[in-house]
Amino acid sequence: MVARSEAKATGALPPADLDPLTGVVARQAFLKRLETRLQADATPRFALLLVGIDDFRAFNDMHGHAEGDLILQHVARRLKDASPRDAVIGRVGGDEFGVLLTSISDPTLVRHVSAAIQSMLSAPYEMAGRRHHVLASVGACVLPAGGDTASDVLAASSLALARAKHDGGRTIRFFKPQMRTDVTTRLSLVQALREAYAQRQFELLYQPQVDLRDGRVLGAEALMRWRHPTLGLLTPAAFIDALAASSVASDVGMWLLHTACAQARAWSLQFGEEAPRVAINLFAAQLAESRLLTEVRHVLRALELPPSLLEIEITETIALQQGDDVSDQLQALRRDGVTLTCDDFGTGYASLSFLKTFPVDRLKIDQSFIRNVVDDGVDAAIVNSVITVGNSLGIGVVAEGVETVGQRDFLLANGCYEAQGYLYGRPMAPDRLTDFLRNQPR
C-alpha cells in the first residue's frame, strides 16, 4: 500500500501496473486508464490505436523467442518516442500495443501519428551484431465510435487492426460499425459451413483440360460446389475464403482428396490409358499438417490409383508461406509420380524464385492474363513469357479461362498446348464428363 501511495505521489505507476517485459503499461492497467478516459466526458473524444507487428509469429519461429522479446522491448521504446507526450502506451497482447491518444480525435491527426509510428518502427533493429526489420499495422478507433466500455473500444480497434493485416499489412485502418456486421456474418457463414460438411452438402464438379491441338481430354480439375438447402448450388466465390480460414478446412480438404481420387479411379477402370488426370487444390490447413504425405499415399494405395492420375495444384503464395516440411512432403509425392502444378502462376510476388526453390511439373497461367490476351499487349507479353519459361525448363504449361477461338489460336501460336475454359466445357457432374470422355476424338 505504501508503494502504491508513493507511486501516486510521484506520478509513476506501481510495478504491478507495468508490463514486466517492455516496461509500458500492462493490459489491465491500460484498460483502467481507457475506462477512466471514457467516463471523463459525456461524449468522449479521443482515439485508441492498436499497433500490431506484422508476421511476428514467423519472426519468433525463425529467430527464437528470446530475440522476439528483444524486438518487443525495442518496439515499446520506439512507440514512446513516436507518440505524443500525453499518450498512454500499453501492451495489450503478445505483439500488440495500445496507444491512447488522450487529446486527439481528428482522423487526419490520428493518421499522421500512425504514420509516424509505422515509420519509426520500420527502421532497422541492431541486436547482437544482427540487423532485423519489422513492419507494423495499425487499427484505429476514434471516439465516440467503437462503444461505451474499454473492452468495446479495444475490440473495435482490434477489428480495424485485423482488417489492416488482411489488406496486406503495413497500413492503417479505421474502425467502422460495418466491421462488426462483417464479423457476425463471417461467423454465421463458418457455422453454416461446418453444418454443410456434417450434412454432406459439398459436391465436386469437373472441368476438362484439353489438348489444344486435337481436343482430347488430358485431365479434369475438381471444383467444389455447395448445395445450399435454400440458396441452391453455390460457387466457391461465395464461401471458399471463409472455408479456407475455418477449423473445418482440413476435413473438407481430405474429403475432396478422397472423393476426387475415387472418381479418378472410376475413370481409370472405364477408360484405361485414356483416363484423365484429376487435379485438386489443397487448403493451407492441409499443407500445415504433417499427415499430408501419409494421407495421400494411403488414398492412392487404398484405391489402387496410379499416382500419375492425381495432380495437386498449389499457389506460389500459399507454398511460400509454408515451411520446409511442406515442401519436402510435396516433393516426395512428386517423386512418387503425383503431378505438382503451380496454380495462378505469375500472380505472386516471387514467381521465378519460386521455380528455383520449389520444383513443379506444370505451370497454370491465371485466367486474368488470358481474358484480354488477344487485345492487350501487356497480357500477351506476360502469357508469352510464362510459356517461354515453362518450355525452357521442360515444365508443362496449361492456360485457364480460355473462352474464345482467338485465345486458343494465340496460345497455340506461342507454344502452349493445354487449356481449360468454357470454350471446351464448363464444370460438370462426373456422369456428364464421362459422356464427354466417351465422345472425345480418338
Protein backbone atom coordinates (compact mmCIF):
# COMPACT_ATOMS: atom_id res chain seq x y z
CA MET A 1 0.00 0.00 0.00
CA VAL A 2 2.89 2.33 0.80
CA ALA A 3 4.49 1.62 -2.56
CA ARG A 4 1.26 2.46 -4.41
CA SER A 5 0.86 5.73 -2.45
CA GLU A 6 4.45 6.73 -3.17
CA ALA A 7 3.96 5.92 -6.87
CA LYS A 8 0.83 8.06 -6.97
CA ALA A 9 2.66 10.96 -5.36
CA THR A 10 5.48 10.84 -7.92
CA GLY A 11 3.22 10.16 -10.95
CA ALA A 12 4.87 6.80 -11.59
CA LEU A 13 2.91 3.58 -11.94
CA PRO A 14 3.39 0.83 -9.35
CA PRO A 15 5.30 -2.24 -10.66
CA ALA A 16 2.10 -4.33 -10.79
CA ASP A 17 0.68 -1.93 -13.38
CA LEU A 18 3.66 -2.30 -15.72
CA ASP A 19 4.33 -5.00 -18.26
CA PRO A 20 7.42 -6.78 -16.91
CA LEU A 21 8.97 -7.35 -20.35
CA THR A 22 8.56 -3.97 -22.03
CA GLY A 23 8.05 -1.54 -19.15
CA VAL A 24 4.94 0.01 -20.68
CA VAL A 25 1.51 -0.11 -19.01
CA ALA A 26 0.20 -3.67 -18.56
CA ARG A 27 -3.07 -4.73 -20.17
CA GLN A 28 -5.40 -4.43 -17.14
CA ALA A 29 -3.94 -1.11 -16.04
CA PHE A 30 -4.21 0.15 -19.63
CA LEU A 31 -7.89 -0.84 -19.76
CA LYS A 32 -8.47 1.03 -16.48
CA ARG A 33 -6.88 4.16 -17.96
CA LEU A 34 -9.03 3.77 -21.05
CA GLU A 35 -12.17 3.31 -18.93
CA THR A 36 -11.33 6.39 -16.89
CA ARG A 37 -10.92 8.43 -20.05
CA LEU A 38 -14.26 7.17 -21.36
CA GLN A 39 -16.05 8.25 -18.19
CA ALA A 40 -14.42 11.69 -18.09
CA ASP A 41 -16.78 13.27 -20.63
CA ALA A 42 -20.41 12.74 -21.60
CA THR A 43 -19.28 12.49 -25.22
CA PRO A 44 -15.65 11.32 -25.12
CA ARG A 45 -13.47 12.47 -27.99
CA PHE A 46 -10.10 10.80 -28.28
CA ALA A 47 -8.52 7.92 -30.18
CA LEU A 48 -7.13 4.49 -29.50
CA LEU A 49 -4.51 2.96 -31.74
CA LEU A 50 -3.80 -0.74 -31.68
CA VAL A 51 -0.35 -1.41 -33.13
CA GLY A 52 0.46 -4.97 -34.20
CA ILE A 53 3.75 -6.27 -35.57
CA ASP A 54 3.26 -7.93 -38.93
CA ASP A 55 4.24 -11.62 -39.10
CA PHE A 56 5.66 -11.60 -35.56
CA ARG A 57 4.89 -15.28 -35.13
CA ALA A 58 7.05 -16.09 -38.13
CA PHE A 59 9.83 -13.91 -36.66
CA ASN A 60 9.69 -15.89 -33.42
CA ASP A 61 9.75 -19.18 -35.28
CA MET A 62 12.77 -18.10 -37.30
CA HIS A 63 14.86 -16.31 -34.66
CA GLY A 64 13.60 -17.67 -31.36
CA HIS A 65 11.52 -16.16 -28.55
CA ALA A 66 14.49 -14.55 -26.81
CA GLU A 67 15.21 -12.41 -29.87
CA GLY A 68 11.50 -11.78 -30.26
CA ASP A 69 11.36 -10.44 -26.71
CA LEU A 70 14.20 -8.04 -27.53
CA ILE A 71 12.26 -6.78 -30.53
CA LEU A 72 9.22 -6.14 -28.32
CA GLN A 73 11.36 -4.13 -25.92
CA HIS A 74 12.76 -2.02 -28.76
CA VAL A 75 9.26 -1.52 -30.20
CA ALA A 76 7.96 -0.32 -26.84
CA ARG A 77 10.73 2.27 -26.59
CA ARG A 78 10.16 3.50 -30.13
CA LEU A 79 6.42 3.78 -29.52
CA LYS A 80 7.14 6.14 -26.62
CA ASP A 81 9.39 8.24 -28.83
CA ALA A 82 6.95 8.36 -31.76
CA SER A 83 3.78 9.11 -29.77
CA PRO A 84 2.59 12.47 -28.33
CA ARG A 85 3.77 13.23 -24.80
CA ASP A 86 0.36 12.75 -23.23
CA ALA A 87 -0.25 9.40 -24.93
CA VAL A 88 -0.54 6.28 -22.81
CA ILE A 89 1.36 3.29 -24.14
CA GLY A 90 0.31 -0.21 -23.09
CA ARG A 91 0.99 -3.78 -24.07
CA VAL A 92 -2.40 -5.39 -24.60
CA GLY A 93 -1.37 -8.64 -26.28
CA GLY A 94 1.65 -10.70 -27.27
CA ASP A 95 2.83 -8.38 -30.04
CA GLU A 96 0.08 -5.77 -29.81
CA PHE A 97 0.44 -2.37 -28.18
CA GLY A 98 -2.24 0.16 -27.39
CA VAL A 99 -1.59 3.87 -27.86
CA LEU A 100 -4.21 6.01 -26.13
CA LEU A 101 -4.24 9.45 -27.76
CA THR A 102 -5.96 11.34 -24.95
CA SER A 103 -6.20 14.70 -26.73
CA ILE A 104 -6.53 13.75 -30.41
CA SER A 105 -9.77 12.86 -32.18
CA ASP A 106 -9.28 14.33 -35.64
CA PRO A 107 -8.85 11.42 -38.12
CA THR A 108 -6.22 13.33 -40.10
CA LEU A 109 -4.07 13.80 -36.98
CA VAL A 110 -4.67 10.19 -35.97
CA ARG A 111 -3.44 9.06 -39.37
CA HIS A 112 -0.41 11.35 -39.04
CA VAL A 113 0.53 9.86 -35.65
CA SER A 114 0.03 6.35 -37.01
CA ALA A 115 2.30 7.06 -39.97
CA ALA A 116 4.98 8.42 -37.65
CA ILE A 117 4.76 5.28 -35.51
CA GLN A 118 4.98 2.98 -38.51
CA SER A 119 7.94 4.89 -39.90
CA MET A 120 9.87 4.73 -36.64
CA LEU A 121 9.12 1.05 -36.09
CA SER A 122 10.26 0.14 -39.61
CA ALA A 123 13.82 1.40 -39.07
CA PRO A 124 16.39 -1.44 -38.73
CA TYR A 125 16.97 -3.03 -35.32
CA GLU A 126 20.60 -3.76 -34.48
CA MET A 127 20.84 -6.54 -31.91
CA ALA A 128 23.90 -8.60 -31.01
CA GLY A 129 25.52 -7.89 -34.35
CA ARG A 130 22.38 -8.80 -36.32
CA ARG A 131 20.06 -6.47 -38.20
CA HIS A 132 16.33 -7.08 -38.21
CA HIS A 133 13.43 -5.34 -39.93
CA VAL A 134 9.85 -5.41 -38.70
CA LEU A 135 6.74 -3.72 -40.03
CA ALA A 136 3.56 -2.80 -38.19
CA SER A 137 -0.13 -2.41 -38.92
CA VAL A 138 -2.44 -0.06 -37.04
CA GLY A 139 -6.11 -0.36 -36.14
CA ALA A 140 -7.62 2.96 -35.05
CA CYS A 141 -10.81 3.71 -33.17
CA VAL A 142 -11.78 7.38 -32.96
CA LEU A 143 -14.27 8.06 -30.19
CA PRO A 144 -17.21 8.36 -29.77
CA ALA A 145 -17.38 5.44 -32.25
CA GLY A 146 -16.48 1.99 -31.01
CA GLY A 147 -18.51 1.55 -27.85
CA ASP A 148 -19.16 2.69 -24.30
CA THR A 149 -16.73 0.49 -22.41
CA ALA A 150 -12.98 -0.05 -22.57
CA SER A 151 -13.48 -3.63 -23.76
CA ASP A 152 -15.76 -2.46 -26.58
CA VAL A 153 -13.31 0.19 -27.76
CA LEU A 154 -10.37 -2.22 -27.62
CA ALA A 155 -12.40 -4.79 -29.58
CA ALA A 156 -13.24 -2.14 -32.18
CA SER A 157 -9.56 -1.29 -32.60
CA SER A 158 -8.80 -4.99 -32.86
CA LEU A 159 -11.29 -5.34 -35.72
CA ALA A 160 -9.64 -2.43 -37.51
CA LEU A 161 -6.19 -3.98 -36.95
CA ALA A 162 -7.38 -7.31 -38.34
CA ARG A 163 -8.65 -5.51 -41.44
CA ALA A 164 -5.30 -3.73 -41.83
CA LYS A 165 -3.44 -7.04 -41.71
CA HIS A 166 -5.94 -8.68 -44.05
CA ASP A 167 -5.36 -5.87 -46.53
CA GLY A 168 -1.65 -6.65 -46.70
CA GLY A 169 -0.20 -5.17 -43.53
CA ARG A 170 1.95 -2.07 -43.01
CA THR A 171 -1.15 0.08 -43.21
CA ILE A 172 -3.78 1.74 -41.02
CA ARG A 173 -7.48 1.05 -40.97
CA PHE A 174 -10.13 2.95 -39.01
CA PHE A 175 -12.91 1.14 -37.22
CA LYS A 176 -16.31 1.26 -38.91
CA PRO A 177 -19.51 -0.25 -37.47
CA GLN A 178 -19.79 -2.38 -40.63
CA MET A 179 -16.75 -4.32 -39.44
CA ARG A 180 -18.78 -5.79 -36.58
CA THR A 181 -21.51 -6.77 -39.02
CA ASP A 182 -18.93 -8.39 -41.28
CA VAL A 183 -17.56 -10.46 -38.41
CA THR A 184 -21.02 -11.60 -37.39
CA THR A 185 -21.78 -12.56 -40.98
CA ARG A 186 -18.49 -14.45 -41.30
CA LEU A 187 -19.04 -16.36 -38.06
CA SER A 188 -22.52 -17.33 -39.23
CA LEU A 189 -21.07 -18.49 -42.54
CA VAL A 190 -18.40 -20.57 -40.80
CA GLN A 191 -21.05 -22.26 -38.66
CA ALA A 192 -23.11 -22.96 -41.76
CA LEU A 193 -20.04 -24.46 -43.46
CA ARG A 194 -19.49 -26.80 -40.51
CA GLU A 195 -23.10 -27.95 -40.85
CA ALA A 196 -22.70 -28.29 -44.61
CA TYR A 197 -19.77 -30.64 -44.14
CA ALA A 198 -21.59 -32.68 -41.50
CA GLN A 199 -24.67 -32.96 -43.75
CA ARG A 200 -22.65 -33.75 -46.91
CA GLN A 201 -23.80 -30.70 -48.84
CA PHE A 202 -20.49 -30.26 -50.72
CA GLU A 203 -20.14 -31.62 -54.25
CA LEU A 204 -17.39 -31.83 -56.83
CA LEU A 205 -17.76 -30.81 -60.46
CA TYR A 206 -15.05 -31.43 -63.03
CA GLN A 207 -13.82 -29.10 -65.76
CA PRO A 208 -11.96 -30.76 -68.65
CA GLN A 209 -8.40 -29.82 -69.55
CA VAL A 210 -7.81 -30.47 -73.24
CA ASP A 211 -5.02 -30.71 -75.77
CA LEU A 212 -5.48 -27.63 -77.95
CA ARG A 213 -4.11 -29.45 -81.00
CA ASP A 214 -6.76 -32.16 -81.21
CA GLY A 215 -9.33 -31.51 -78.46
CA ARG A 216 -8.55 -34.67 -76.48
CA VAL A 217 -9.25 -34.53 -72.73
CA LEU A 218 -5.99 -34.87 -70.79
CA GLY A 219 -7.21 -34.00 -67.35
CA ALA A 220 -10.00 -32.54 -65.26
CA GLU A 221 -9.91 -30.09 -62.39
CA ALA A 222 -12.12 -30.95 -59.40
CA LEU A 223 -14.05 -27.83 -58.41
CA MET A 224 -16.09 -27.59 -55.22
CA ARG A 225 -19.73 -26.55 -55.02
CA TRP A 226 -22.03 -26.14 -52.03
CA ARG A 227 -25.59 -27.33 -52.49
CA HIS A 228 -27.16 -24.94 -50.01
CA PRO A 229 -30.60 -26.04 -48.74
CA THR A 230 -32.21 -22.66 -49.51
CA LEU A 231 -29.81 -20.79 -51.83
CA GLY A 232 -29.17 -23.62 -54.26
CA LEU A 233 -25.82 -24.51 -55.81
CA LEU A 234 -23.15 -22.02 -54.70
CA THR A 235 -19.79 -21.49 -56.40
CA PRO A 236 -16.56 -21.12 -54.37
CA ALA A 237 -16.72 -17.33 -54.69
CA ALA A 238 -19.49 -17.36 -52.08
CA PHE A 239 -17.71 -19.42 -49.44
CA ILE A 240 -14.18 -20.60 -50.22
CA ASP A 241 -12.30 -17.83 -48.33
CA ALA A 242 -14.34 -18.42 -45.17
CA LEU A 243 -13.95 -22.18 -45.55
CA ALA A 244 -10.18 -21.95 -46.02
CA ALA A 245 -9.87 -19.98 -42.78
CA SER A 246 -12.21 -22.20 -40.78
CA SER A 247 -11.44 -25.11 -38.46
CA VAL A 248 -13.20 -27.50 -40.83
CA ALA A 249 -10.95 -26.69 -43.81
CA SER A 250 -8.64 -29.64 -43.27
CA ASP A 251 -11.55 -32.10 -43.00
CA VAL A 252 -13.19 -30.75 -46.15
CA GLY A 253 -9.85 -30.87 -47.94
CA MET A 254 -9.37 -34.52 -47.05
CA TRP A 255 -12.92 -35.27 -48.22
CA LEU A 256 -12.10 -33.56 -51.50
CA LEU A 257 -8.92 -35.65 -51.86
CA HIS A 258 -10.77 -38.93 -51.22
CA THR A 259 -13.72 -38.04 -53.48
CA ALA A 260 -11.61 -36.84 -56.40
CA CYS A 261 -9.30 -39.85 -56.21
CA ALA A 262 -12.27 -42.23 -56.13
CA GLN A 263 -13.62 -40.57 -59.28
CA ALA A 264 -10.20 -40.77 -60.94
CA ARG A 265 -10.12 -44.48 -60.12
CA ALA A 266 -13.57 -44.98 -61.67
CA TRP A 267 -12.44 -43.27 -64.89
CA SER A 268 -9.22 -45.28 -64.84
CA LEU A 269 -11.16 -48.54 -64.76
CA GLN A 270 -13.51 -47.35 -67.51
CA PHE A 271 -11.10 -45.66 -69.92
CA GLY A 272 -7.73 -47.25 -69.16
CA GLU A 273 -4.80 -45.34 -70.68
CA GLU A 274 -7.16 -42.61 -71.92
CA ALA A 275 -8.42 -41.81 -68.39
CA PRO A 276 -7.94 -38.16 -67.43
CA ARG A 277 -5.61 -36.99 -64.70
CA VAL A 278 -7.66 -35.35 -61.89
CA ALA A 279 -6.40 -32.08 -60.36
CA ILE A 280 -7.24 -30.93 -56.85
CA ASN A 281 -6.47 -27.79 -54.88
CA LEU A 282 -5.20 -28.01 -51.32
CA PHE A 283 -6.12 -25.73 -48.43
CA ALA A 284 -3.31 -24.13 -46.47
CA ALA A 285 -4.60 -26.00 -43.40
CA GLN A 286 -3.87 -29.31 -45.12
CA LEU A 287 -0.38 -28.23 -46.03
CA ALA A 288 0.31 -27.28 -42.43
CA GLU A 289 -0.39 -30.84 -41.27
CA SER A 290 2.39 -33.41 -41.14
CA ARG A 291 -0.04 -36.16 -42.21
CA LEU A 292 -0.50 -34.87 -45.77
CA LEU A 293 2.10 -37.19 -47.33
CA THR A 294 0.82 -40.20 -45.40
CA GLU A 295 -2.81 -39.41 -46.23
CA VAL A 296 -2.26 -39.02 -49.96
CA ARG A 297 -0.20 -42.21 -50.15
CA HIS A 298 -2.84 -44.06 -48.15
CA VAL A 299 -5.64 -42.95 -50.50
CA LEU A 300 -3.66 -43.91 -53.60
CA ARG A 301 -2.87 -47.36 -52.21
CA ALA A 302 -6.40 -47.99 -50.93
CA LEU A 303 -7.95 -47.11 -54.30
CA GLU A 304 -5.15 -48.69 -56.33
CA LEU A 305 -4.93 -45.38 -58.20
CA PRO A 306 -1.75 -44.76 -60.21
CA PRO A 307 -0.06 -41.61 -58.79
CA SER A 308 0.19 -40.23 -62.33
CA LEU A 309 -3.60 -39.77 -62.35
CA LEU A 310 -3.51 -37.34 -59.42
CA GLU A 311 -2.46 -33.71 -59.81
CA ILE A 312 -2.03 -31.35 -56.86
CA GLU A 313 -2.36 -27.63 -57.58
CA ILE A 314 -0.85 -25.16 -55.16
CA THR A 315 -0.42 -21.40 -55.50
CA GLU A 316 3.05 -19.96 -55.07
CA THR A 317 1.76 -17.62 -52.34
CA ILE A 318 0.49 -20.48 -50.19
CA ALA A 319 3.59 -22.57 -50.89
CA LEU A 320 5.95 -19.79 -49.84
CA GLN A 321 4.02 -19.29 -46.59
CA GLN A 322 4.73 -22.87 -45.56
CA GLY A 323 7.94 -24.28 -44.13
CA ASP A 324 10.49 -26.73 -45.48
CA ASP A 325 8.47 -29.66 -44.13
CA VAL A 326 5.62 -28.90 -46.53
CA SER A 327 7.99 -28.58 -49.45
CA ASP A 328 9.59 -31.92 -48.54
CA GLN A 329 6.18 -33.66 -48.39
CA LEU A 330 5.07 -32.31 -51.76
CA GLN A 331 8.37 -33.15 -53.40
CA ALA A 332 8.12 -36.68 -52.00
CA LEU A 333 4.70 -37.02 -53.63
CA ARG A 334 6.18 -35.70 -56.86
CA ARG A 335 8.85 -38.38 -56.73
CA ASP A 336 6.05 -40.92 -56.21
CA GLY A 337 4.62 -39.83 -59.57
CA VAL A 338 1.97 -37.30 -58.45
CA THR A 339 1.90 -34.25 -60.72
CA LEU A 340 2.65 -30.98 -58.92
CA THR A 341 1.31 -27.81 -60.53
CA CYS A 342 1.86 -24.15 -59.67
CA ASP A 343 -1.61 -22.61 -59.87
CA ASP A 344 -2.21 -18.96 -60.84
CA PHE A 345 1.43 -18.61 -61.88
CA GLY A 346 2.54 -15.01 -62.29
CA THR A 347 0.12 -13.53 -59.76
CA GLY A 348 2.50 -13.97 -56.79
CA TYR A 349 5.47 -11.84 -55.86
CA ALA A 350 8.39 -14.20 -56.48
CA SER A 351 7.43 -16.40 -59.40
CA LEU A 352 10.85 -17.10 -60.90
CA SER A 353 12.47 -17.53 -57.48
CA PHE A 354 9.65 -19.91 -56.59
CA LEU A 355 10.52 -22.20 -59.50
CA LYS A 356 14.11 -22.46 -58.31
CA THR A 357 13.25 -23.37 -54.72
CA PHE A 358 10.03 -25.31 -55.36
CA PRO A 359 10.25 -27.53 -58.46
CA VAL A 360 6.94 -28.31 -60.18
CA ASP A 361 5.76 -30.27 -63.21
CA ARG A 362 3.35 -27.73 -64.65
CA LEU A 363 2.57 -24.02 -64.62
CA LYS A 364 -1.01 -22.81 -64.80
CA ILE A 365 -1.49 -19.40 -66.37
CA ASP A 366 -4.10 -17.42 -64.47
CA GLN A 367 -7.26 -16.55 -66.36
CA SER A 368 -6.79 -12.85 -65.56
CA PHE A 369 -3.95 -12.84 -68.12
CA ILE A 370 -5.85 -14.91 -70.68
CA ARG A 371 -9.01 -12.79 -70.68
CA ASN A 372 -7.55 -9.95 -72.81
CA VAL A 373 -4.53 -11.72 -74.26
CA VAL A 374 -5.61 -11.07 -77.85
CA ASP A 375 -6.09 -7.30 -77.46
CA ASP A 376 -3.79 -6.31 -74.57
CA GLY A 377 -0.09 -6.18 -75.35
CA VAL A 378 0.94 -6.41 -71.71
CA ASP A 379 -1.15 -9.53 -71.06
CA ALA A 380 0.15 -11.04 -74.30
CA ALA A 381 3.75 -10.40 -73.23
CA ILE A 382 3.14 -11.92 -69.79
CA VAL A 383 1.48 -15.04 -71.19
CA ASN A 384 4.19 -15.47 -73.80
CA SER A 385 6.87 -15.10 -71.10
CA VAL A 386 5.28 -17.78 -68.91
CA ILE A 387 5.08 -20.14 -71.87
CA THR A 388 8.72 -19.46 -72.72
CA VAL A 389 9.82 -20.08 -69.12
CA GLY A 390 7.88 -23.33 -68.96
CA ASN A 391 9.17 -24.61 -72.29
CA SER A 392 12.74 -23.61 -71.45
CA LEU A 393 12.63 -25.51 -68.16
CA GLY A 394 10.79 -28.52 -69.56
CA ILE A 395 7.71 -27.68 -67.49
CA GLY A 396 4.22 -28.18 -68.91
CA VAL A 397 2.04 -25.09 -69.30
CA VAL A 398 -1.76 -25.02 -69.09
CA ALA A 399 -3.92 -21.94 -69.57
CA GLU A 400 -7.18 -21.48 -67.69
CA GLY A 401 -10.17 -19.37 -68.63
CA VAL A 402 -9.98 -19.98 -72.39
CA GLU A 403 -13.33 -18.89 -73.84
CA THR A 404 -12.69 -17.81 -77.42
CA VAL A 405 -11.11 -19.19 -80.58
CA GLY A 406 -8.84 -16.15 -80.66
CA GLN A 407 -7.41 -17.01 -77.24
CA ARG A 408 -6.89 -20.62 -78.33
CA ASP A 409 -5.10 -19.57 -81.50
CA PHE A 410 -2.81 -17.20 -79.58
CA LEU A 411 -1.82 -19.98 -77.17
CA LEU A 412 -1.17 -22.46 -79.97
CA ALA A 413 0.92 -19.95 -81.91
CA ASN A 414 3.06 -19.29 -78.84
CA GLY A 415 3.66 -22.89 -77.81
CA CYS A 416 1.01 -23.57 -75.15
CA TYR A 417 -0.86 -26.76 -75.96
CA GLU A 418 -3.13 -27.39 -73.00
CA ALA A 419 -6.04 -25.36 -71.62
CA GLN A 420 -9.33 -25.39 -69.79
CA GLY A 421 -12.24 -22.99 -70.10
CA TYR A 422 -15.77 -22.51 -71.36
CA LEU A 423 -14.63 -22.95 -74.96
CA TYR A 424 -14.16 -26.63 -74.16
CA GLY A 425 -16.51 -27.23 -71.28
CA ARG A 426 -17.94 -25.78 -68.10
CA PRO A 427 -17.51 -27.55 -64.77
CA MET A 428 -19.78 -30.58 -64.98
CA ALA A 429 -21.03 -33.51 -62.92
CA PRO A 430 -18.99 -36.73 -63.14
CA ASP A 431 -21.55 -38.54 -65.32
CA ARG A 432 -21.58 -35.69 -67.83
CA LEU A 433 -17.80 -35.70 -68.07
CA THR A 434 -17.97 -39.48 -68.52
CA ASP A 435 -20.16 -38.89 -71.60
CA PHE A 436 -17.73 -36.17 -72.69
CA LEU A 437 -14.87 -38.68 -72.49
CA ARG A 438 -16.78 -41.32 -74.45
CA ASN A 439 -17.38 -38.90 -77.29
CA GLN A 440 -13.97 -37.27 -77.47
CA PRO A 441 -11.87 -37.55 -80.65
CA ARG A 442 -9.50 -40.54 -80.90
